[in-house]
Amino acid sequence: MTISVTETLTATLVLFAVIDILGSIPILLELKRKQGALNAEKASVVSMVIMIAFLFLGERIIHLIGIDVYSFAVAGSFVLLFLALEMILGITLFKEDPEASGDLSAIVPVAFPLIAGAGTMTTLISLRSEFHQINIVLAIIINILFVYLVLKSTRRIEQLLGPGGISIVKKVFGIVLLAIAVKLFTSNVQGLFQAN
């Protein structure tokens, strides 16, 4: 078990870009208008449990269906690529189910798939092929703390950044995510061919 500040910071930034909680503020505000309030505590805890569980069990699950980590990481790089294109170009490729009622809205669609969605799951498996698990867990906790703060203060953040600010943040992290997708592909595609 090796704690590395560099690995933790890198994993934190990668997850931050993938989760894109700042870019999700318009969706969160719409949910808040429909539901009256968002349960920030429940959404954060459920998201963290899903992410940590998938970090430790995800690899076993993919091995059970006969897929190696390199294949999953390369597939993940494509998911990240599409997420990055969404953020940069302002298009919608992934559709989410907006229908949730009552306290369930803390879990669906906020915790899943908004925070701990397909992109996050794929990223966790991909990060596991490069970093120590303890550093990824720390990165998850840091991101969940940030997610909690954002969920608690969506209205204030919207007023502070404004529509233009949110759009800029989204595009900047889209470019970062695109670069991460390229790096993830190039660092795992060789291992994919060697494994076969």
Protein backbone atom coordinates (compact mmCIF):
# COMPACT_ATOMS: atom_id res chain seq x y z
CA MET A 1 0.00 0.00 0.00
CA THR A 2 1.80 3.10 -1.29
CA ILE A 3 0.32 6.56 -0.82
CA SER A 4 1.55 8.92 -3.53
CA VAL A 5 0.61 12.60 -3.64
CA THR A 6 1.28 12.68 -7.41
CA GLU A 7 -0.91 9.64 -8.13
CA THR A 8 -3.68 10.91 -5.84
CA LEU A 9 -3.61 14.36 -7.45
CA THR A 10 -3.63 12.94 -11.00
CA ALA A 11 -6.46 10.50 -10.22
CA THR A 12 -8.39 13.31 -8.49
CA LEU A 13 -8.11 15.57 -11.55
CA VAL A 14 -9.09 12.74 -13.92
CA LEU A 15 -12.19 11.89 -11.85
CA PHE A 16 -13.01 15.57 -11.45
CA ALA A 17 -13.01 15.99 -15.22
CA VAL A 18 -15.10 12.85 -15.78
CA ILE A 19 -17.67 13.53 -13.04
CA ASP A 20 -17.87 17.16 -14.23
CA ILE A 21 -20.09 18.21 -11.34
CA LEU A 22 -19.70 21.90 -12.28
CA GLY A 23 -20.92 21.15 -15.80
CA SER A 24 -23.88 19.32 -14.26
CA ILE A 25 -25.08 22.41 -12.35
CA PRO A 26 -27.82 23.22 -14.92
CA ILE A 27 -29.17 19.65 -14.59
CA LEU A 28 -28.97 19.83 -10.78
CA LEU A 29 -30.83 23.15 -10.75
CA GLU A 30 -33.57 21.68 -12.94
CA LEU A 31 -33.90 18.68 -10.60
CA LYS A 32 -34.00 21.04 -7.63
CA ARG A 33 -36.83 23.00 -9.26
CA LYS A 34 -38.78 19.76 -9.87
CA GLN A 35 -38.11 18.07 -6.53
CA GLY A 36 -37.88 21.12 -4.29
CA ALA A 37 -34.53 20.05 -2.79
CA LEU A 38 -31.60 17.72 -3.39
CA ASN A 39 -30.41 15.39 -0.65
CA ALA A 40 -26.70 16.23 -0.90
CA GLU A 41 -25.68 13.84 1.91
CA LYS A 42 -27.45 10.79 0.50
CA ALA A 43 -26.35 11.48 -3.09
CA SER A 44 -22.71 11.88 -2.00
CA VAL A 45 -22.62 8.75 0.20
CA VAL A 46 -24.37 6.56 -2.41
CA SER A 47 -22.01 7.83 -5.14
CA MET A 48 -18.94 7.09 -3.01
CA VAL A 49 -20.16 3.56 -2.15
CA ILE A 50 -20.87 2.79 -5.82
CA MET A 51 -17.46 4.08 -6.94
CA ILE A 52 -15.40 2.32 -4.25
CA ALA A 53 -17.34 -0.94 -4.72
CA PHE A 54 -16.74 -0.83 -8.47
CA LEU A 55 -13.05 0.00 -7.97
CA PHE A 56 -12.55 -3.23 -5.99
CA LEU A 57 -15.10 -5.51 -7.67
CA GLY A 58 -15.19 -4.11 -11.20
CA GLU A 59 -12.09 -5.99 -12.35
CA ARG A 60 -13.48 -9.30 -11.05
CA ILE A 61 -16.74 -8.64 -12.84
CA ILE A 62 -15.04 -7.96 -16.17
CA HIS A 63 -12.82 -11.06 -15.74
CA LEU A 64 -15.94 -13.16 -15.11
CA ILE A 65 -17.21 -12.17 -18.55
CA GLY A 66 -13.79 -12.84 -20.11
CA ILE A 67 -12.42 -9.32 -20.61
CA ASP A 68 -8.93 -8.19 -19.58
CA VAL A 69 -8.12 -4.81 -17.98
CA TYR A 70 -6.35 -3.53 -21.12
CA SER A 71 -9.47 -4.14 -23.24
CA PHE A 72 -11.62 -2.36 -20.67
CA ALA A 73 -9.18 0.55 -20.46
CA VAL A 74 -9.10 0.96 -24.27
CA ALA A 75 -12.91 0.79 -24.38
CA GLY A 76 -12.92 3.33 -21.55
CA SER A 77 -10.74 5.68 -23.55
CA PHE A 78 -13.49 5.80 -26.21
CA VAL A 79 -16.15 6.54 -23.57
CA LEU A 80 -13.97 9.37 -22.23
CA LEU A 81 -13.48 10.61 -25.79
CA PHE A 82 -17.24 10.87 -26.31
CA LEU A 83 -17.71 12.56 -22.92
CA ALA A 84 -15.00 15.07 -23.84
CA LEU A 85 -16.66 15.78 -27.19
CA GLU A 86 -19.95 16.41 -25.38
CA MET A 87 -18.26 18.94 -23.11
CA ILE A 88 -16.26 20.70 -25.84
CA LEU A 89 -18.89 20.78 -28.60
CA GLY A 90 -21.98 21.17 -26.40
CA ILE A 91 -23.71 18.14 -27.90
CA THR A 92 -25.59 15.28 -26.19
CA LEU A 93 -24.44 11.74 -26.92
CA PHE A 94 -25.40 10.08 -23.61
CA LYS A 95 -29.02 10.27 -22.58
CA GLU A 96 -30.04 10.17 -18.94
CA ASP A 97 -33.41 9.27 -17.46
CA PRO A 98 -34.72 12.47 -15.87
CA GLU A 99 -37.71 10.72 -14.28
CA ALA A 100 -37.24 10.32 -10.55
CA SER A 101 -39.55 11.15 -7.70
CA GLY A 102 -39.22 11.98 -4.01
CA ASP A 103 -36.08 10.96 -2.14
CA LEU A 104 -35.16 8.62 -5.00
CA SER A 105 -33.89 11.70 -6.88
CA ALA A 106 -30.85 11.66 -4.55
CA ILE A 107 -29.89 8.31 -6.09
CA VAL A 108 -31.41 8.45 -9.58
CA PRO A 109 -30.28 10.39 -11.55
CA VAL A 110 -27.92 12.34 -9.22
CA ALA A 111 -25.77 9.59 -7.66
CA PHE A 112 -26.27 7.32 -10.67
CA PRO A 113 -25.71 8.03 -13.52
CA LEU A 114 -24.84 11.73 -13.07
CA ILE A 115 -21.95 11.28 -10.59
CA ALA A 116 -21.13 7.56 -10.61
CA GLY A 117 -22.10 6.86 -14.20
CA ALA A 118 -20.64 4.77 -17.02
CA GLY A 119 -17.80 7.22 -17.64
CA THR A 120 -16.80 7.20 -13.96
CA MET A 121 -16.94 3.39 -13.74
CA THR A 122 -14.82 2.99 -16.85
CA THR A 123 -12.34 5.57 -15.58
CA LEU A 124 -11.96 3.76 -12.24
CA ILE A 125 -11.02 0.50 -13.96
CA SER A 126 -8.65 2.38 -16.25
CA LEU A 127 -7.02 4.21 -13.32
CA ARG A 128 -6.62 0.90 -11.51
CA SER A 129 -4.39 -0.33 -14.34
CA GLU A 130 -2.03 2.62 -13.74
CA PHE A 131 -2.26 3.69 -10.05
CA HIS A 132 -2.29 2.09 -6.58
CA GLN A 133 -5.81 1.49 -5.25
CA ILE A 134 -5.28 3.54 -2.07
CA ASN A 135 -4.50 6.63 -4.17
CA ILE A 136 -7.66 6.11 -6.25
CA VAL A 137 -9.76 5.72 -3.06
CA LEU A 138 -8.30 9.01 -1.76
CA ALA A 139 -9.12 10.62 -5.13
CA ILE A 140 -12.71 9.33 -4.88
CA ILE A 141 -13.09 10.75 -1.34
CA ILE A 142 -11.68 14.15 -2.40
CA ASN A 143 -14.06 14.28 -5.36
CA ILE A 144 -17.07 13.24 -3.26
CA LEU A 145 -16.28 16.02 -0.76
CA PHE A 146 -16.22 18.49 -3.65
CA VAL A 147 -19.44 17.00 -5.09
CA TYR A 148 -21.10 17.40 -1.67
CA LEU A 149 -20.06 21.08 -1.48
CA VAL A 150 -21.39 21.71 -5.00
CA LEU A 151 -24.70 19.93 -4.28
CA LYS A 152 -25.07 22.04 -1.14
CA SER A 153 -24.43 25.33 -2.93
CA THR A 154 -25.67 24.94 -6.54
CA ARG A 155 -27.56 28.23 -6.52
CA ARG A 156 -24.60 30.21 -5.18
CA ILE A 157 -22.20 28.67 -7.73
CA GLU A 158 -24.59 29.45 -10.59
CA GLN A 159 -24.76 33.09 -9.51
CA LEU A 160 -20.99 33.27 -9.06
CA LEU A 161 -19.96 31.69 -12.38
CA GLY A 162 -22.91 32.68 -14.53
CA PRO A 163 -23.84 30.80 -17.72
CA GLY A 164 -20.63 31.94 -19.47
CA GLY A 165 -18.40 30.80 -16.60
CA ILE A 166 -20.02 27.37 -16.42
CA SER A 167 -19.63 26.98 -20.18
CA ILE A 168 -15.91 27.90 -20.01
CA VAL A 169 -15.26 25.45 -17.13
CA LYS A 170 -17.03 22.70 -19.07
CA LYS A 171 -15.00 23.29 -22.24
CA VAL A 172 -11.65 23.52 -20.39
CA PHE A 173 -12.28 20.21 -18.60
CA GLY A 174 -13.50 18.74 -21.90
CA ILE A 175 -10.09 19.44 -23.44
CA VAL A 176 -8.33 17.97 -20.38
CA LEU A 177 -10.54 14.89 -20.63
CA LEU A 178 -9.79 14.54 -24.36
CA ALA A 179 -6.04 14.56 -23.62
CA ILE A 180 -6.59 11.94 -20.87
CA ALA A 181 -8.56 9.74 -23.31
CA VAL A 182 -5.71 9.86 -25.84
CA LYS A 183 -3.12 9.03 -23.14
CA LEU A 184 -5.27 6.20 -21.80
CA PHE A 185 -5.62 4.72 -25.29
CA THR A 186 -1.92 4.93 -26.16
CA SER A 187 -0.73 3.55 -22.79
CA ASN A 188 -3.07 0.52 -22.91
CA VAL A 189 -3.37 -0.40 -26.58
CA GLN A 190 0.16 -1.90 -26.61
CA GLY A 191 -0.62 -4.05 -23.56
CA LEU A 192 -3.82 -5.15 -25.29
CA PHE A 193 -1.88 -6.63 -28.22
CA GLN A 194 0.78 -8.14 -25.95
CA ALA A 195 -1.93 -9.81 -23.83
CA ASN A 196 -3.30 -11.41 -26.97
